[in-house]
Protein backbone atom coordinates (compact mmCIF):
# COMPACT_ATOMS: atom_id res chain seq x y z
CA MET A 1 82.57 -18.93 51.06
CA ILE A 2 81.80 -19.69 47.41
CA GLN A 3 78.45 -17.95 47.74
CA CYS A 4 80.08 -14.89 49.29
CA MET A 5 82.54 -14.70 46.37
CA LEU A 6 79.77 -14.90 43.84
CA LEU A 7 77.91 -12.06 45.53
CA MET A 8 81.08 -9.92 44.84
CA CYS A 9 81.22 -10.77 41.20
CA TYR A 10 79.05 -10.55 38.12
CA ILE A 11 78.85 -11.77 34.52
CA PHE A 12 79.90 -9.07 31.92
CA SER A 13 79.46 -9.58 28.17
CA CYS A 14 82.01 -7.94 25.86
CA PRO A 15 80.39 -5.20 23.75
CA GLN A 16 82.47 -6.22 20.78
CA CYS A 17 82.22 -10.01 20.59
CA HIS A 18 79.77 -10.82 23.42
CA CYS A 19 82.18 -13.22 25.12
CA GLN A 20 81.18 -13.50 28.82
CA GLN A 21 83.63 -13.14 31.71
CA VAL A 22 83.26 -12.93 35.46
CA LEU A 23 84.24 -9.39 36.89
CA ASP A 24 84.57 -8.16 40.41
CA TYR A 25 81.80 -5.62 41.29
CA GLU A 26 84.32 -2.78 41.89
CA GLU A 27 86.47 -3.60 38.68
CA ILE A 28 85.42 -1.46 35.65
CA HIS A 29 88.48 -2.11 33.37
CA PHE A 30 87.38 -5.05 31.21
CA LYS A 31 89.97 -6.87 28.99
CA CYS A 32 88.21 -9.41 26.69
CA LYS A 33 90.11 -12.72 26.55
CA ASN A 34 88.52 -13.49 23.15
CA CYS A 35 88.80 -10.25 21.02
CA HIS A 36 91.42 -8.55 23.33
CA MET A 37 89.45 -5.38 23.22
CA GLU A 38 89.43 -3.12 26.39
CA PHE A 39 86.20 -1.52 27.60
CA CYS A 40 84.78 0.17 30.67
CA SER A 41 82.11 -2.10 32.03
CA TYR A 42 80.08 0.86 33.38
CA CYS A 43 79.79 3.20 30.32
CA LEU A 44 80.55 0.51 27.78
CA GLN A 45 82.95 2.84 26.02
CA SER A 46 86.47 1.77 24.83
CA TRP A 47 88.86 2.07 27.71
CA LEU A 48 91.32 4.01 25.46
CA ALA A 49 88.70 6.01 23.57
CA VAL A 50 90.85 9.21 23.47
CA SER A 51 94.20 9.00 25.09
CA PRO A 52 95.53 6.78 27.95
CA SER A 53 95.84 9.58 30.42
CA TRP A 54 92.54 11.21 29.66
CA SER A 55 90.70 7.89 29.53
CA THR A 56 91.94 6.92 32.95
CA TYR A 57 90.71 10.22 34.40
CA TYR A 58 87.39 9.86 32.61
CA HIS A 59 86.82 6.32 33.77
CA ASN A 60 87.66 7.28 37.36
CA GLU A 61 84.23 9.05 37.01
CA CYS A 62 82.80 5.64 36.00
CA ARG A 63 84.51 4.04 38.91
CA LEU A 64 82.91 6.46 41.36
CA LEU A 65 79.49 5.95 39.72
CA ASN A 66 79.97 2.22 39.86
CA TYR A 67 79.96 2.08 43.71
CA SER A 68 76.09 2.28 43.59
CA GLY A 69 76.08 -1.02 41.68
CA GLN A 70 73.62 -1.87 38.86
CA LYS A 71 70.88 -3.51 40.77
CA CYS A 72 69.41 -0.15 41.73
CA PHE A 73 68.84 0.69 38.07
CA ARG A 74 67.30 -2.68 37.09
CA ASN A 75 64.99 -2.87 40.01
CA SER A 76 63.14 0.24 41.33
CA ASP A 77 62.91 -1.38 44.91
CA GLU A 78 66.72 -1.56 45.19
CA LEU A 79 68.73 1.27 46.74
CA PRO A 80 72.32 2.05 45.66
CA GLY A 81 74.75 -0.67 47.10
CA ASN A 82 76.95 1.95 48.74
CA TRP A 83 74.23 3.65 50.83
CA GLN A 84 74.30 3.20 54.54
CA LYS A 85 71.27 1.44 55.79
CA SER A 86 69.78 0.54 59.23
CA ALA A 87 68.01 -2.69 59.98
CA PRO A 88 65.08 -3.46 57.64
CA VAL A 89 61.50 -2.93 59.10
CA LEU A 90 58.73 -5.18 57.83
CA SER A 91 55.41 -3.45 57.06
CA GLY A 92 51.98 -5.05 57.05
CA ASN A 93 52.34 -6.58 53.60
CA ASN A 94 55.78 -8.12 54.52
CA THR A 95 57.54 -5.70 52.18
CA ALA A 96 60.93 -4.82 53.53
CA ILE A 97 61.30 -1.07 54.17
CA VAL A 98 64.89 0.00 54.72
CA ASP A 99 65.43 3.09 56.84
CA VAL A 100 68.15 5.09 55.13
CA GLU A 101 70.19 8.06 56.71
CA ALA A 102 69.83 11.30 54.97
CA GLU A 103 73.58 11.71 54.81
CA SER A 104 76.43 9.34 55.59
CA ASP A 105 80.19 10.04 56.23
CA VAL A 106 82.39 8.32 53.59
CA ASP A 107 85.62 7.09 54.93
CA LEU A 108 88.40 9.15 53.26
CA ASN A 109 90.57 5.97 53.23
CA SER A 110 87.97 3.70 51.65
CA ASN A 111 88.01 2.94 47.95
CA GLU A 112 85.02 5.20 47.42
CA GLY A 113 86.70 8.03 49.50
CA ARG A 114 89.99 7.80 47.59
CA THR A 115 88.14 7.86 44.35
CA VAL A 116 86.34 11.05 45.20
CA ILE A 117 89.67 12.57 46.36
CA GLN A 118 91.48 11.52 43.27
CA LEU A 119 88.92 13.28 41.08
CA PHE A 120 88.98 16.42 43.21
CA ASN A 121 92.80 16.56 43.34
CA GLU A 122 93.18 16.21 39.57
CA THR A 123 92.77 20.09 39.41
CA MET A 124 93.05 20.93 43.01
CA ARG A 125 96.57 19.85 44.11
CA GLY A 126 97.62 21.20 47.46
CA ILE A 127 93.93 21.42 48.60
CA GLN A 128 93.06 19.02 51.45
CA VAL A 129 89.66 17.18 51.43
CA THR A 130 88.63 17.09 55.09
CA ALA A 131 85.23 15.33 54.73
CA ILE A 132 83.01 13.67 52.31
CA ARG A 133 79.21 13.31 52.77
CA ARG A 134 77.30 10.88 50.70
CA LEU A 135 73.71 12.23 50.19
CA GLN A 136 70.97 9.52 50.39
CA ASN A 137 67.82 11.30 49.31
CA ILE A 138 65.27 8.65 48.19
CA LYS A 139 62.95 11.12 46.67
CA LEU A 140 65.62 12.71 44.44
CA TRP A 141 67.26 9.28 43.65
CA GLU A 142 64.00 7.78 42.43
CA LYS A 143 63.44 10.89 40.16
CA TYR A 144 66.91 10.40 38.79
CA VAL A 145 66.56 6.74 38.11
CA LEU A 146 63.32 7.13 36.29
CA LYS A 147 64.92 9.94 34.03
CA ARG A 148 67.90 7.58 33.55
CA LYS A 149 65.58 4.69 32.45
CA HIS A 150 63.67 6.88 30.02
CA MET A 151 66.98 8.16 28.49
CA VAL A 152 68.26 4.62 28.13
CA GLU A 153 65.04 3.61 26.27
CA GLU A 154 65.29 6.66 23.94
CA ILE A 155 68.93 6.95 23.05
CA GLY A 156 70.64 3.74 24.53
CA LEU A 157 72.83 3.12 27.46
CA THR A 158 76.07 4.18 25.60
CA ASN A 159 74.62 7.56 24.68
CA ILE A 160 73.29 8.65 28.04
CA LYS A 161 76.85 9.74 28.92
CA GLU A 162 76.47 9.51 32.72
CA ARG A 163 79.26 11.55 34.41
CA ALA A 164 80.52 12.52 37.88
CA LEU A 165 80.72 16.31 37.64
CA PHE A 166 81.42 19.19 40.09
CA HIS A 167 79.03 21.93 41.17
CA GLY A 168 80.01 24.88 43.26
CA THR A 169 77.32 27.26 44.78
CA ASP A 170 76.87 29.73 47.61
CA ALA A 171 76.80 28.29 51.16
CA LYS A 172 73.15 29.30 51.60
CA ASN A 173 72.13 26.90 48.83
CA ILE A 174 73.78 23.75 50.03
CA SER A 175 71.13 22.41 52.43
CA LEU A 176 68.35 23.22 50.07
CA ILE A 177 70.10 21.35 47.15
CA CYS A 178 70.54 18.34 49.61
CA GLU A 179 66.80 18.37 50.27
CA GLU A 180 65.27 19.40 47.05
CA GLY A 181 67.97 18.91 44.32
CA PHE A 182 69.41 21.33 41.83
CA ASP A 183 67.22 24.18 40.78
CA MET A 184 67.75 26.12 37.40
CA ARG A 185 65.79 29.02 38.90
CA VAL A 186 68.58 29.81 41.20
CA LYS A 187 70.61 32.71 39.66
CA THR A 188 74.05 31.56 38.50
CA ALA A 189 77.13 33.59 39.12
CA ASN A 190 78.51 33.08 35.84
CA GLY A 191 75.83 34.96 33.95
CA ALA A 192 74.39 31.78 32.37
CA VAL A 193 76.73 31.99 29.36
CA TYR A 194 75.75 28.65 27.94
CA GLY A 195 72.00 28.82 28.76
CA LYS A 196 69.77 29.49 31.75
CA GLY A 197 70.32 26.10 33.27
CA ILE A 198 72.09 24.15 36.05
CA TYR A 199 75.83 24.34 35.69
CA PHE A 200 78.37 21.51 36.22
CA SER A 201 82.04 21.29 35.48
CA THR A 202 84.53 18.50 34.79
CA THR A 203 87.08 20.20 37.10
CA ALA A 204 86.77 21.01 40.79
CA TYR A 205 89.08 24.13 40.11
CA TYR A 206 86.42 25.81 37.94
CA SER A 207 83.63 24.93 40.40
CA MET A 208 85.53 26.33 43.29
CA ARG A 209 85.01 29.82 41.91
CA TYR A 210 81.27 29.50 42.60
CA ALA A 211 81.67 27.86 46.09
CA LEU A 212 81.01 31.31 47.64
CA SER A 213 81.48 31.76 51.33
CA SER A 214 82.09 28.13 51.88
CA ASN A 215 84.81 25.51 51.39
CA LYS A 216 82.29 22.94 50.08
CA MET A 217 81.16 21.73 46.69
CA PHE A 218 79.02 18.89 45.13
CA ILE A 219 79.90 15.94 42.99
CA ALA A 220 76.76 15.17 41.12
CA ARG A 221 75.72 12.17 38.93
CA VAL A 222 74.87 13.90 35.60
CA LEU A 223 73.09 12.46 32.55
CA CYS A 224 74.76 14.61 29.86
CA GLY A 225 73.29 12.64 26.83
CA PHE A 226 73.59 14.43 23.49
CA SER A 227 75.10 17.94 23.79
CA THR A 228 75.09 21.05 21.68
CA LYS A 229 76.96 24.30 21.97
CA GLY A 230 75.18 26.66 24.48
CA SER A 231 74.33 30.25 24.32
CA SER A 232 73.12 32.81 26.99
CA ASP A 233 69.67 33.15 25.45
CA MET A 234 68.78 29.41 25.76
CA THR A 235 66.06 28.54 28.22
CA ARG A 236 65.97 24.95 27.02
CA PRO A 237 68.11 22.91 24.53
CA PRO A 238 67.25 23.12 20.88
CA LYS A 239 65.89 20.02 18.90
CA ASN A 240 68.50 17.63 17.61
CA PRO A 241 67.86 17.24 13.85
CA GLN A 242 69.31 13.68 13.85
CA THR A 243 67.11 12.26 16.61
CA GLY A 244 64.08 14.59 16.51
CA ARG A 245 64.26 15.11 20.29
CA MET A 246 65.76 17.92 22.20
CA TYR A 247 69.50 17.84 23.03
CA ASP A 248 70.10 16.77 26.64
CA SER A 249 72.62 19.39 27.54
CA CYS A 250 74.52 22.47 26.44
CA VAL A 251 78.31 22.74 26.60
CA ASN A 252 81.17 25.19 26.09
CA ASP A 253 83.06 23.06 23.71
CA LEU A 254 81.73 20.09 21.66
CA ASP A 255 85.05 18.36 21.16
CA LYS A 256 86.14 18.37 24.82
CA PRO A 257 83.56 19.91 26.95
CA THR A 258 84.47 21.05 30.48
CA ILE A 259 81.16 22.97 31.37
CA TYR A 260 77.66 21.40 31.07
CA SER A 261 74.38 23.28 31.44
CA LEU A 262 71.24 21.18 32.06
CA PHE A 263 67.60 22.23 31.93
CA ASP A 264 66.01 19.18 33.76
CA ASN A 265 66.89 18.57 37.39
CA GLY A 266 65.81 14.97 36.95
CA GLN A 267 69.16 14.58 34.91
CA CYS A 268 71.32 15.38 37.86
CA TYR A 269 71.54 13.82 41.42
CA PRO A 270 73.60 15.48 44.18
CA ALA A 271 75.76 12.54 45.14
CA TYR A 272 78.48 13.93 47.49
CA VAL A 273 79.27 17.08 49.40
CA ILE A 274 82.99 17.57 49.68
CA SER A 275 84.53 19.81 52.37
CA TYR A 276 88.09 21.03 51.88
CA LYS A 277 90.72 23.45 53.11
CA ASN A 278 93.84 25.09 51.81
């Protein structure tokens, strides 16, 4: 019983005073008993960084990202903790190979399902989510994890700005994205206002405009990193004079961005396909 409880918890160090506390794996709101500061244990940002209402919404993205667990980022052999797996099969060298389904239904009443619906309904009230499919593409996931690792090494964990963002597209593109990932070569319906990249939005309402001929859209894990204002002539981000490396994304508004344009599909992983109806 004690061992089972320990598996559901982990030790978290306060980013401010480094005091350690035990947290439940699904709990991201950290309140330090020593310095009394409040942080998100996933993105390590202050819980009330902007305003109570906006911070709660922003950290709901972190809550969704957190269902994967942290082991899959520390160990390349680990798969996300929320992926559905079949029984392990042992290969000749006694290495466990886990057969993973390409897609898996997410229970709409589970914590994970409710978090997806909450993010979706923030700007889509009155629209019913009918199904959520979790995409479990090992090839795309490994590419994303490697890019995330490199970004953490280059700019630090707090600066990778990993978010859960929406992406709407024509119905004919959905299966190809599930198999091969997002592709900046696919023509965008918005005319590539912020650069000739892959577009994501913080709101489902905006992405619905581009969910042509289908009632489906993606929620993607996106490594936004350092952003700059985008323009239609950009084929890649300009160099950041402060860091000497290229910006990681282009946005519509530097103060409170709602649209992101990315130029490297390693920075974005198609995590969920949401089906909905009026």
